[in-house]
PDB file of N, CA and C in Angstrom:
ATOM      1  N   UNK A   1      72.660 116.201 134.959  1.00  0.00           N
ATOM      2  CA  UNK A   1      71.859 115.131 134.420  1.00  0.00           C
ATOM      3  C   UNK A   1      72.277 114.796 132.985  1.00  0.00           C
ATOM      4  N   UNK A   2      72.362 115.770 132.104  1.00  0.00           N
ATOM      5  CA  UNK A   2      72.750 115.546 130.718  1.00  0.00           C
ATOM      6  C   UNK A   2      74.190 115.993 130.536  1.00  0.00           C
ATOM      7  N   UNK A   3      75.102 115.366 131.216  1.00  0.00           N
ATOM      8  CA  UNK A   3      76.505 115.777 131.196  1.00  0.00           C
ATOM      9  C   UNK A   3      77.204 115.392 129.902  1.00  0.00           C
ATOM     10  N   UNK A   4      78.480 115.638 129.899  1.00  0.00           N
ATOM     11  CA  UNK A   4      79.323 115.319 128.748  1.00  0.00           C
ATOM     12  C   UNK A   4      79.440 113.800 128.630  1.00  0.00           C
ATOM     13  N   UNK A   5      79.367 113.313 127.425  1.00  0.00           N
ATOM     14  CA  UNK A   5      79.468 111.876 127.182  1.00  0.00           C
ATOM     15  C   UNK A   5      80.927 111.455 127.297  1.00  0.00           C
ATOM     16  N   UNK A   6      81.159 110.396 128.041  1.00  0.00           N
ATOM     17  CA  UNK A   6      82.508 109.858 128.206  1.00  0.00           C
ATOM     18  C   UNK A   6      82.724 108.769 127.160  1.00  0.00           C
ATOM     19  N   UNK A   7      83.496 109.080 126.120  1.00  0.00           N
ATOM     20  CA  UNK A   7      83.739 108.120 125.036  1.00  0.00           C
ATOM     21  C   UNK A   7      84.806 107.091 125.372  1.00  0.00           C
ATOM     22  N   UNK A   8      85.528 107.261 126.466  1.00  0.00           N
ATOM     23  CA  UNK A   8      86.645 106.364 126.762  1.00  0.00           C
ATOM     24  C   UNK A   8      86.178 104.924 126.954  1.00  0.00           C
ATOM     25  N   UNK A   9      85.026 104.719 127.567  1.00  0.00           N
ATOM     26  CA  UNK A   9      84.515 103.358 127.745  1.00  0.00           C
ATOM     27  C   UNK A   9      84.181 102.729 126.397  1.00  0.00           C
ATOM     28  N   UNK A  10      83.668 103.509 125.477  1.00  0.00           N
ATOM     29  CA  UNK A  10      83.307 103.004 124.156  1.00  0.00           C
ATOM     30  C   UNK A  10      84.550 102.597 123.370  1.00  0.00           C
ATOM     31  N   UNK A  11      85.653 103.304 123.568  1.00  0.00           N
ATOM     32  CA  UNK A  11      86.882 102.982 122.843  1.00  0.00           C
ATOM     33  C   UNK A  11      87.341 101.567 123.136  1.00  0.00           C
ATOM     34  N   UNK A  12      87.135 101.098 124.367  1.00  0.00           N
ATOM     35  CA  UNK A  12      87.519  99.727 124.702  1.00  0.00           C
ATOM     36  C   UNK A  12      86.726  98.729 123.861  1.00  0.00           C
ATOM     37  N   UNK A  13      85.445  98.994 123.676  1.00  0.00           N
ATOM     38  CA  UNK A  13      84.623  98.097 122.870  1.00  0.00           C
ATOM     39  C   UNK A  13      84.997  98.159 121.398  1.00  0.00           C
ATOM     40  N   UNK A  14      85.398  99.336 120.926  1.00  0.00           N
ATOM     41  CA  UNK A  14      85.776  99.479 119.517  1.00  0.00           C
ATOM     42  C   UNK A  14      86.982  98.633 119.171  1.00  0.00           C
ATOM     43  N   UNK A  15      87.842  98.356 120.143  1.00  0.00           N
ATOM     44  CA  UNK A  15      89.040  97.569 119.882  1.00  0.00           C
ATOM     45  C   UNK A  15      88.865  96.100 120.239  1.00  0.00           C
ATOM     46  N   UNK A  16      87.657  95.713 120.605  1.00  0.00           N
ATOM     47  CA  UNK A  16      87.362  94.350 120.984  1.00  0.00           C
ATOM     48  C   UNK A  16      87.788  93.387 119.890  1.00  0.00           C
ATOM     49  N   UNK A  17      88.664  92.480 120.217  1.00  0.00           N
ATOM     50  CA  UNK A  17      89.192  91.469 119.301  1.00  0.00           C
ATOM     51  C   UNK A  17      89.832  92.051 118.045  1.00  0.00           C
ATOM     52  N   UNK A  18      90.111  93.329 118.027  1.00  0.00           N
ATOM     53  CA  UNK A  18      90.734  93.935 116.865  1.00  0.00           C
ATOM     54  C   UNK A  18      89.797  94.136 115.692  1.00  0.00           C
ATOM     55  N   UNK A  19      88.510  93.926 115.907  1.00  0.00           N
ATOM     56  CA  UNK A  19      87.566  94.009 114.803  1.00  0.00           C
ATOM     57  C   UNK A  19      87.346  95.422 114.297  1.00  0.00           C
ATOM     58  N   UNK A  20      87.472  96.401 115.171  1.00  0.00           N
ATOM     59  CA  UNK A  20      87.118  97.748 114.781  1.00  0.00           C
ATOM     60  C   UNK A  20      88.293  98.717 114.817  1.00  0.00           C
ATOM     61  N   UNK A  21      89.493  98.188 114.802  1.00  0.00           N
ATOM     62  CA  UNK A  21      90.661  99.062 114.770  1.00  0.00           C
ATOM     63  C   UNK A  21      90.764  99.698 113.393  1.00  0.00           C
ATOM     64  N   UNK A  22      91.216 100.937 113.340  1.00  0.00           N
ATOM     65  CA  UNK A  22      91.379 101.575 112.031  1.00  0.00           C
ATOM     66  C   UNK A  22      92.415 100.832 111.196  1.00  0.00           C
ATOM     67  N   UNK A  23      92.180 100.753 109.901  1.00  0.00           N
ATOM     68  CA  UNK A  23      93.076 100.036 108.999  1.00  0.00           C
ATOM     69  C   UNK A  23      94.129 100.926 108.370  1.00  0.00           C
ATOM     70  N   UNK A  24      94.250 102.123 108.815  1.00  0.00           N
ATOM     71  CA  UNK A  24      95.197 103.018 108.177  1.00  0.00           C
ATOM     72  C   UNK A  24      94.612 103.567 106.891  1.00  0.00           C
ATOM     73  N   UNK A  25      95.459 103.762 105.918  1.00  0.00           N
ATOM     74  CA  UNK A  25      95.018 104.378 104.666  1.00  0.00           C
ATOM     75  C   UNK A  25      94.339 103.345 103.761  1.00  0.00           C
ATOM     76  N   UNK A  26      93.057 103.472 103.604  1.00  0.00           N
ATOM     77  CA  UNK A  26      92.310 102.606 102.688  1.00  0.00           C
ATOM     78  C   UNK A  26      91.653 103.448 101.593  1.00  0.00           C
ATOM     79  N   UNK A  27      92.214 104.623 101.351  1.00  0.00           N
ATOM     80  CA  UNK A  27      91.657 105.512 100.324  1.00  0.00           C
ATOM     81  C   UNK A  27      91.709 104.871  98.941  1.00  0.00           C
ATOM     82  N   UNK A  28      92.608 103.929  98.748  1.00  0.00           N
ATOM     83  CA  UNK A  28      92.705 103.235  97.468  1.00  0.00           C
ATOM     84  C   UNK A  28      91.403 102.522  97.127  1.00  0.00           C
ATOM     85  N   UNK A  29      90.630 102.131  98.130  1.00  0.00           N
ATOM     86  CA  UNK A  29      89.389 101.391  97.881  1.00  0.00           C
ATOM     87  C   UNK A  29      88.392 102.197  97.052  1.00  0.00           C
ATOM     88  N   UNK A  30      88.456 103.510  97.150  1.00  0.00           N
ATOM     89  CA  UNK A  30      87.544 104.351  96.380  1.00  0.00           C
ATOM     90  C   UNK A  30      87.862 104.330  94.881  1.00  0.00           C
ATOM     91  N   UNK A  31      89.081 103.924  94.545  1.00  0.00           N
ATOM     92  CA  UNK A  31      89.496 103.859  93.142  1.00  0.00           C
ATOM     93  C   UNK A  31      89.331 102.459  92.556  1.00  0.00           C
ATOM     94  N   UNK A  32      88.979 101.508  93.382  1.00  0.00           N
ATOM     95  CA  UNK A  32      88.900 100.107  92.956  1.00  0.00           C
ATOM     96  C   UNK A  32      87.765  99.892  91.955  1.00  0.00           C
ATOM     97  N   UNK A  33      88.074  99.239  90.866  1.00  0.00           N
ATOM     98  CA  UNK A  33      87.064  98.947  89.845  1.00  0.00           C
ATOM     99  C   UNK A  33      85.994  97.990  90.361  1.00  0.00           C
ATOM    100  N   UNK A  34      86.356  97.131  91.298  1.00  0.00           N
ATOM    101  CA  UNK A  34      85.377  96.172  91.813  1.00  0.00           C
ATOM    102  C   UNK A  34      84.243  96.874  92.549  1.00  0.00           C
ATOM    103  N   UNK A  35      84.498  98.076  93.037  1.00  0.00           N
ATOM    104  CA  UNK A  35      83.455  98.832  93.724  1.00  0.00           C
ATOM    105  C   UNK A  35      82.365  99.279  92.744  1.00  0.00           C
ATOM    106  N   UNK A  36      82.674  99.219  91.457  1.00  0.00           N
ATOM    107  CA  UNK A  36      81.731  99.637  90.419  1.00  0.00           C
ATOM    108  C   UNK A  36      81.179  98.431  89.652  1.00  0.00           C
ATOM    109  N   UNK A  37      81.414  97.241  90.194  1.00  0.00           N
ATOM    110  CA  UNK A  37      81.073  96.003  89.499  1.00  0.00           C
ATOM    111  C   UNK A  37      80.215  95.120  90.409  1.00  0.00           C
ATOM    112  N   UNK A  38      79.608  94.123  89.838  1.00  0.00           N
ATOM    113  CA  UNK A  38      78.803  93.175  90.609  1.00  0.00           C
ATOM    114  C   UNK A  38      79.687  92.436  91.616  1.00  0.00           C
ATOM    115  N   UNK A  39      79.444  92.596  92.913  1.00  0.00           N
ATOM    116  CA  UNK A  39      80.294  91.962  93.930  1.00  0.00           C
ATOM    117  C   UNK A  39      80.244  90.440  93.892  1.00  0.00           C
ATOM    118  N   UNK A  40      79.182  89.875  93.360  1.00  0.00           N
ATOM    119  CA  UNK A  40      79.086  88.416  93.312  1.00  0.00           C
ATOM    120  C   UNK A  40      80.184  87.800  92.447  1.00  0.00           C
ATOM    121  N   UNK A  41      80.679  88.540  91.479  1.00  0.00           N
ATOM    122  CA  UNK A  41      81.759  88.032  90.636  1.00  0.00           C
ATOM    123  C   UNK A  41      83.029  87.812  91.444  1.00  0.00           C
ATOM    124  N   UNK A  42      83.199  88.557  92.523  1.00  0.00           N
ATOM    125  CA  UNK A  42      84.415  88.478  93.327  1.00  0.00           C
ATOM    126  C   UNK A  42      84.313  87.469  94.466  1.00  0.00           C
ATOM    127  N   UNK A  43      83.125  86.934  94.667  1.00  0.00           N
ATOM    128  CA  UNK A  43      82.897  85.929  95.696  1.00  0.00           C
ATOM    129  C   UNK A  43      82.082  84.787  95.100  1.00  0.00           C
ATOM    130  N   UNK A  44      82.679  84.069  94.125  1.00  0.00           N
ATOM    131  CA  UNK A  44      81.932  83.000  93.461  1.00  0.00           C
ATOM    132  C   UNK A  44      81.700  81.812  94.399  1.00  0.00           C
ATOM    133  N   UNK A  45      80.662  81.051  94.102  1.00  0.00           N
ATOM    134  CA  UNK A  45      80.425  79.828  94.858  1.00  0.00           C
ATOM    135  C   UNK A  45      81.571  78.864  94.590  1.00  0.00           C
ATOM    136  N   UNK A  46      81.745  77.910  95.480  1.00  0.00           N
ATOM    137  CA  UNK A  46      82.821  76.939  95.337  1.00  0.00           C
ATOM    138  C   UNK A  46      82.743  76.273  93.961  1.00  0.00           C
ATOM    139  N   UNK A  47      83.846  76.292  93.261  1.00  0.00           N
ATOM    140  CA  UNK A  47      83.896  75.724  91.922  1.00  0.00           C
ATOM    141  C   UNK A  47      83.456  76.684  90.834  1.00  0.00           C
ATOM    142  N   UNK A  48      82.963  77.871  91.222  1.00  0.00           N
ATOM    143  CA  UNK A  48      82.514  78.861  90.250  1.00  0.00           C
ATOM    144  C   UNK A  48      83.687  79.547  89.567  1.00  0.00           C
ATOM    145  N   UNK A  49      83.406  80.187  88.487  1.00  0.00           N
ATOM    146  CA  UNK A  49      84.442  80.854  87.696  1.00  0.00           C
ATOM    147  C   UNK A  49      84.906  82.155  88.355  1.00  0.00           C
ATOM    148  N   UNK A  50      86.205  82.375  88.311  1.00  0.00           N
ATOM    149  CA  UNK A  50      86.804  83.616  88.815  1.00  0.00           C
ATOM    150  C   UNK A  50      87.264  84.504  87.656  1.00  0.00           C
ATOM    151  N   UNK A  51      87.017  84.050  86.443  1.00  0.00           N
ATOM    152  CA  UNK A  51      87.523  84.720  85.245  1.00  0.00           C
ATOM    153  C   UNK A  51      87.075  86.184  85.149  1.00  0.00           C
ATOM    154  N   UNK A  52      85.795  86.453  85.348  1.00  0.00           N
ATOM    155  CA  UNK A  52      85.295  87.827  85.215  1.00  0.00           C
ATOM    156  C   UNK A  52      85.927  88.757  86.251  1.00  0.00           C
ATOM    157  N   UNK A  53      86.026  88.297  87.476  1.00  0.00           N
ATOM    158  CA  UNK A  53      86.623  89.116  88.529  1.00  0.00           C
ATOM    159  C   UNK A  53      88.088  89.406  88.222  1.00  0.00           C
ATOM    160  N   UNK A  54      88.814  88.405  87.796  1.00  0.00           N
ATOM    161  CA  UNK A  54      90.242  88.587  87.496  1.00  0.00           C
ATOM    162  C   UNK A  54      90.438  89.520  86.305  1.00  0.00           C
ATOM    163  N   UNK A  55      89.507  89.499  85.377  1.00  0.00           N
ATOM    164  CA  UNK A  55      89.565  90.399  84.227  1.00  0.00           C
ATOM    165  C   UNK A  55      89.423  91.855  84.702  1.00  0.00           C
ATOM    166  N   UNK A  56      88.523  92.096  85.647  1.00  0.00           N
ATOM    167  CA  UNK A  56      88.349  93.437  86.212  1.00  0.00           C
ATOM    168  C   UNK A  56      89.621  93.839  86.961  1.00  0.00           C
ATOM    169  N   UNK A  57      90.154  92.946  87.768  1.00  0.00           N
ATOM    170  CA  UNK A  57      91.364  93.231  88.542  1.00  0.00           C
ATOM    171  C   UNK A  57      92.545  93.586  87.639  1.00  0.00           C
ATOM    172  N   UNK A  58      92.634  92.911  86.503  1.00  0.00           N
ATOM    173  CA  UNK A  58      93.763  93.146  85.594  1.00  0.00           C
ATOM    174  C   UNK A  58      93.795  94.586  85.092  1.00  0.00           C
ATOM    175  N   UNK A  59      92.643  95.246  85.039  1.00  0.00           N
ATOM    176  CA  UNK A  59      92.562  96.628  84.552  1.00  0.00           C
ATOM    177  C   UNK A  59      92.596  97.653  85.683  1.00  0.00           C
ATOM    178  N   UNK A  60      92.598  97.197  86.929  1.00  0.00           N
ATOM    179  CA  UNK A  60      92.433  98.087  88.082  1.00  0.00           C
ATOM    180  C   UNK A  60      93.755  98.739  88.489  1.00  0.00           C
ATOM    181  N   UNK A  61      93.700 100.042  88.725  1.00  0.00           N
ATOM    182  CA  UNK A  61      94.907 100.790  89.078  1.00  0.00           C
ATOM    183  C   UNK A  61      95.363 100.562  90.521  1.00  0.00           C
ATOM    184  N   UNK A  62      94.515  99.974  91.359  1.00  0.00           N
ATOM    185  CA  UNK A  62      94.894  99.755  92.758  1.00  0.00           C
ATOM    186  C   UNK A  62      95.032  98.265  93.076  1.00  0.00           C
ATOM    187  N   UNK A  63      95.308  97.488  92.078  1.00  0.00           N
ATOM    188  CA  UNK A  63      95.419  96.039  92.250  1.00  0.00           C
ATOM    189  C   UNK A  63      96.475  95.659  93.286  1.00  0.00           C
ATOM    190  N   UNK A  64      97.630  96.294  93.255  1.00  0.00           N
ATOM    191  CA  UNK A  64      98.698  95.961  94.202  1.00  0.00           C
ATOM    192  C   UNK A  64      98.305  96.282  95.638  1.00  0.00           C
ATOM    193  N   UNK A  65      97.674  97.441  95.857  1.00  0.00           N
ATOM    194  CA  UNK A  65      97.236  97.808  97.202  1.00  0.00           C
ATOM    195  C   UNK A  65      96.189  96.819  97.709  1.00  0.00           C
ATOM    196  N   UNK A  66      95.305  96.416  96.821  1.00  0.00           N
ATOM    197  CA  UNK A  66      94.243  95.470  97.164  1.00  0.00           C
ATOM    198  C   UNK A  66      94.842  94.129  97.583  1.00  0.00           C
ATOM    199  N   UNK A  67      95.780  93.629  96.802  1.00  0.00           N
ATOM    200  CA  UNK A  67      96.421  92.357  97.109  1.00  0.00           C
ATOM    201  C   UNK A  67      97.172  92.434  98.432  1.00  0.00           C
ATOM    202  N   UNK A  68      97.885  93.524  98.637  1.00  0.00           N
ATOM    203  CA  UNK A  68      98.630  93.705  99.891  1.00  0.00           C
ATOM    204  C   UNK A  68      97.673  93.716 101.080  1.00  0.00           C
ATOM    205  N   UNK A  69      96.551  94.432 100.947  1.00  0.00           N
ATOM    206  CA  UNK A  69      95.575  94.482 102.031  1.00  0.00           C
ATOM    207  C   UNK A  69      95.056  93.079 102.351  1.00  0.00           C
ATOM    208  N   UNK A  70      94.717  92.318 101.316  1.00  0.00           N
ATOM    209  CA  UNK A  70      94.174  90.966 101.518  1.00  0.00           C
ATOM    210  C   UNK A  70      95.189  90.062 102.202  1.00  0.00           C
ATOM    211  N   UNK A  71      96.438  90.178 101.816  1.00  0.00           N
ATOM    212  CA  UNK A  71      97.477  89.350 102.430  1.00  0.00           C
ATOM    213  C   UNK A  71      97.741  89.792 103.865  1.00  0.00           C
ATOM    214  N   UNK A  72      97.845  91.085 104.075  1.00  0.00           N
ATOM    215  CA  UNK A  72      98.095  91.612 105.427  1.00  0.00           C
ATOM    216  C   UNK A  72      96.971  91.263 106.400  1.00  0.00           C
ATOM    217  N   UNK A  73      95.744  91.167 105.898  1.00  0.00           N
ATOM    218  CA  UNK A  73      94.582  90.891 106.749  1.00  0.00           C
ATOM    219  C   UNK A  73      94.118  89.438 106.666  1.00  0.00           C
ATOM    220  N   UNK A  74      94.930  88.603 106.039  1.00  0.00           N
ATOM    221  CA  UNK A  74      94.637  87.175 105.923  1.00  0.00           C
ATOM    222  C   UNK A  74      93.214  86.933 105.415  1.00  0.00           C
ATOM    223  N   UNK A  75      92.850  87.671 104.376  1.00  0.00           N
ATOM    224  CA  UNK A  75      91.516  87.545 103.778  1.00  0.00           C
ATOM    225  C   UNK A  75      91.385  86.157 103.168  1.00  0.00           C
ATOM    226  N   UNK A  76      90.366  85.433 103.573  1.00  0.00           N
ATOM    227  CA  UNK A  76      90.215  84.042 103.159  1.00  0.00           C
ATOM    228  C   UNK A  76      89.144  83.804 102.110  1.00  0.00           C
ATOM    229  N   UNK A  77      88.434  84.832 101.734  1.00  0.00           N
ATOM    230  CA  UNK A  77      87.352  84.643 100.766  1.00  0.00           C
ATOM    231  C   UNK A  77      87.460  85.658  99.643  1.00  0.00           C
ATOM    232  N   UNK A  78      87.095  85.229  98.462  1.00  0.00           N
ATOM    233  CA  UNK A  78      86.978  86.142  97.343  1.00  0.00           C
ATOM    234  C   UNK A  78      88.254  86.401  96.581  1.00  0.00           C
ATOM    235  N   UNK A  79      88.079  87.155  95.516  1.00  0.00           N
ATOM    236  CA  UNK A  79      89.187  87.568  94.648  1.00  0.00           C
ATOM    237  C   UNK A  79      89.635  88.941  95.116  1.00  0.00           C
ATOM    238  N   UNK A  80      90.909  89.066  95.444  1.00  0.00           N
ATOM    239  CA  UNK A  80      91.497  90.329  95.896  1.00  0.00           C
ATOM    240  C   UNK A  80      92.799  90.521  95.127  1.00  0.00           C
ATOM    241  N   UNK A  81      92.958  91.655  94.505  1.00  0.00           N
ATOM    242  CA  UNK A  81      94.187  91.923  93.768  1.00  0.00           C
ATOM    243  C   UNK A  81      94.431  90.944  92.641  1.00  0.00           C
ATOM    244  N   UNK A  82      93.367  90.360  92.138  1.00  0.00           N
ATOM    245  CA  UNK A  82      93.497  89.431  91.016  1.00  0.00           C
ATOM    246  C   UNK A  82      93.836  88.007  91.412  1.00  0.00           C
ATOM    247  N   UNK A  83      93.833  87.712  92.711  1.00  0.00           N
ATOM    248  CA  UNK A  83      94.165  86.356  93.159  1.00  0.00           C
ATOM    249  C   UNK A  83      93.060  85.767  94.017  1.00  0.00           C
ATOM    250  N   UNK A  84      92.879  84.465  93.848  1.00  0.00           N
ATOM    251  CA  UNK A  84      91.940  83.733  94.701  1.00  0.00           C
ATOM    252  C   UNK A  84      92.616  83.463  96.041  1.00  0.00           C
ATOM    253  N   UNK A  85      91.858  82.937  96.974  1.00  0.00           N
ATOM    254  CA  UNK A  85      92.419  82.624  98.292  1.00  0.00           C
ATOM    255  C   UNK A  85      93.536  81.592  98.170  1.00  0.00           C
ATOM    256  N   UNK A  86      93.353  80.605  97.334  1.00  0.00           N
ATOM    257  CA  UNK A  86      94.381  79.573  97.125  1.00  0.00           C
ATOM    258  C   UNK A  86      95.653  80.203  96.525  1.00  0.00           C
ATOM    259  N   UNK A  87      95.472  81.068  95.550  1.00  0.00           N
ATOM    260  CA  UNK A  87      96.633  81.731  94.932  1.00  0.00           C
ATOM    261  C   UNK A  87      97.360  82.633  95.932  1.00  0.00           C
ATOM    262  N   UNK A  88      96.597  83.307  96.801  1.00  0.00           N
ATOM    263  CA  UNK A  88      97.238  84.153  97.830  1.00  0.00           C
ATOM    264  C   UNK A  88      98.031  83.309  98.820  1.00  0.00           C
ATOM    265  N   UNK A  89      97.504  82.142  99.174  1.00  0.00           N
ATOM    266  CA  UNK A  89      98.248  81.247 100.085  1.00  0.00           C
ATOM    267  C   UNK A  89      99.567  80.828  99.458  1.00  0.00           C
ATOM    268  N   UNK A  90      99.521  80.446  98.176  1.00  0.00           N
ATOM    269  CA  UNK A  90     100.751  80.057  97.474  1.00  0.00           C
ATOM    270  C   UNK A  90     101.738  81.227  97.404  1.00  0.00           C
ATOM    271  N   UNK A  91     101.216  82.400  97.110  1.00  0.00           N
ATOM    272  CA  UNK A  91     102.034  83.617  97.027  1.00  0.00           C
ATOM    273  C   UNK A  91     102.726  83.888  98.364  1.00  0.00           C
ATOM    274  N   UNK A  92     101.961  83.820  99.450  1.00  0.00           N
ATOM    275  CA  UNK A  92     102.529  84.052 100.777  1.00  0.00           C
ATOM    276  C   UNK A  92     103.596  83.019 101.105  1.00  0.00           C
ATOM    277  N   UNK A  93     103.318  81.759 100.782  1.00  0.00           N
ATOM    278  CA  UNK A  93     104.266  80.694 101.070  1.00  0.00           C
ATOM    279  C   UNK A  93     105.561  80.879 100.288  1.00  0.00           C
ATOM    280  N   UNK A  94     105.454  81.203  99.015  1.00  0.00           N
ATOM    281  CA  UNK A  94     106.663  81.373  98.202  1.00  0.00           C
ATOM    282  C   UNK A  94     107.493  82.572  98.662  1.00  0.00           C
ATOM    283  N   UNK A  95     106.814  83.643  99.095  1.00  0.00           N
ATOM    284  CA  UNK A  95     107.548  84.812  99.552  1.00  0.00           C
ATOM    285  C   UNK A  95     108.125  84.613 100.943  1.00  0.00           C
ATOM    286  N   UNK A  96     107.509  83.777 101.742  1.00  0.00           N
ATOM    287  CA  UNK A  96     108.046  83.461 103.072  1.00  0.00           C
ATOM    288  C   UNK A  96     109.320  82.632 102.917  1.00  0.00           C
ATOM    289  N   UNK A  97     109.322  81.693 101.972  1.00  0.00           N
ATOM    290  CA  UNK A  97     110.481  80.839 101.741  1.00  0.00           C
ATOM    291  C   UNK A  97     111.661  81.635 101.200  1.00  0.00           C
ATOM    292  N   UNK A  98     111.382  82.699 100.420  1.00  0.00           N
ATOM    293  CA  UNK A  98     112.450  83.531  99.853  1.00  0.00           C
ATOM    294  C   UNK A  98     113.081  84.430 100.915  1.00  0.00           C
ATOM    295  N   UNK A  99     112.331  84.744 101.944  1.00  0.00           N
ATOM    296  CA  UNK A  99     112.818  85.681 102.974  1.00  0.00           C
ATOM    297  C   UNK A  99     113.788  85.041 103.930  1.00  0.00           C
TER     298      UNK A  99
END
């Protein structure tokens, strides 16, 4: 009646649409300065200032890892690695053209 739980069925749901797949090493996130700051600064309303968030990013020791993660995951909102979504699009485009 109370047998062993079969987790194999649950694993299929965990990979549904790729939403719950492990991201590999994200230990850098624990060192991120933004984790110790007001998150609203990193997700300003349209037309809002990104200056405060970028100032925090400029001092952050994991800025490169953060930017790489945002680009690899096609993050479309917020300031990541010191760049806005528009700046990340330009960055990706320029690096694609160089390759």
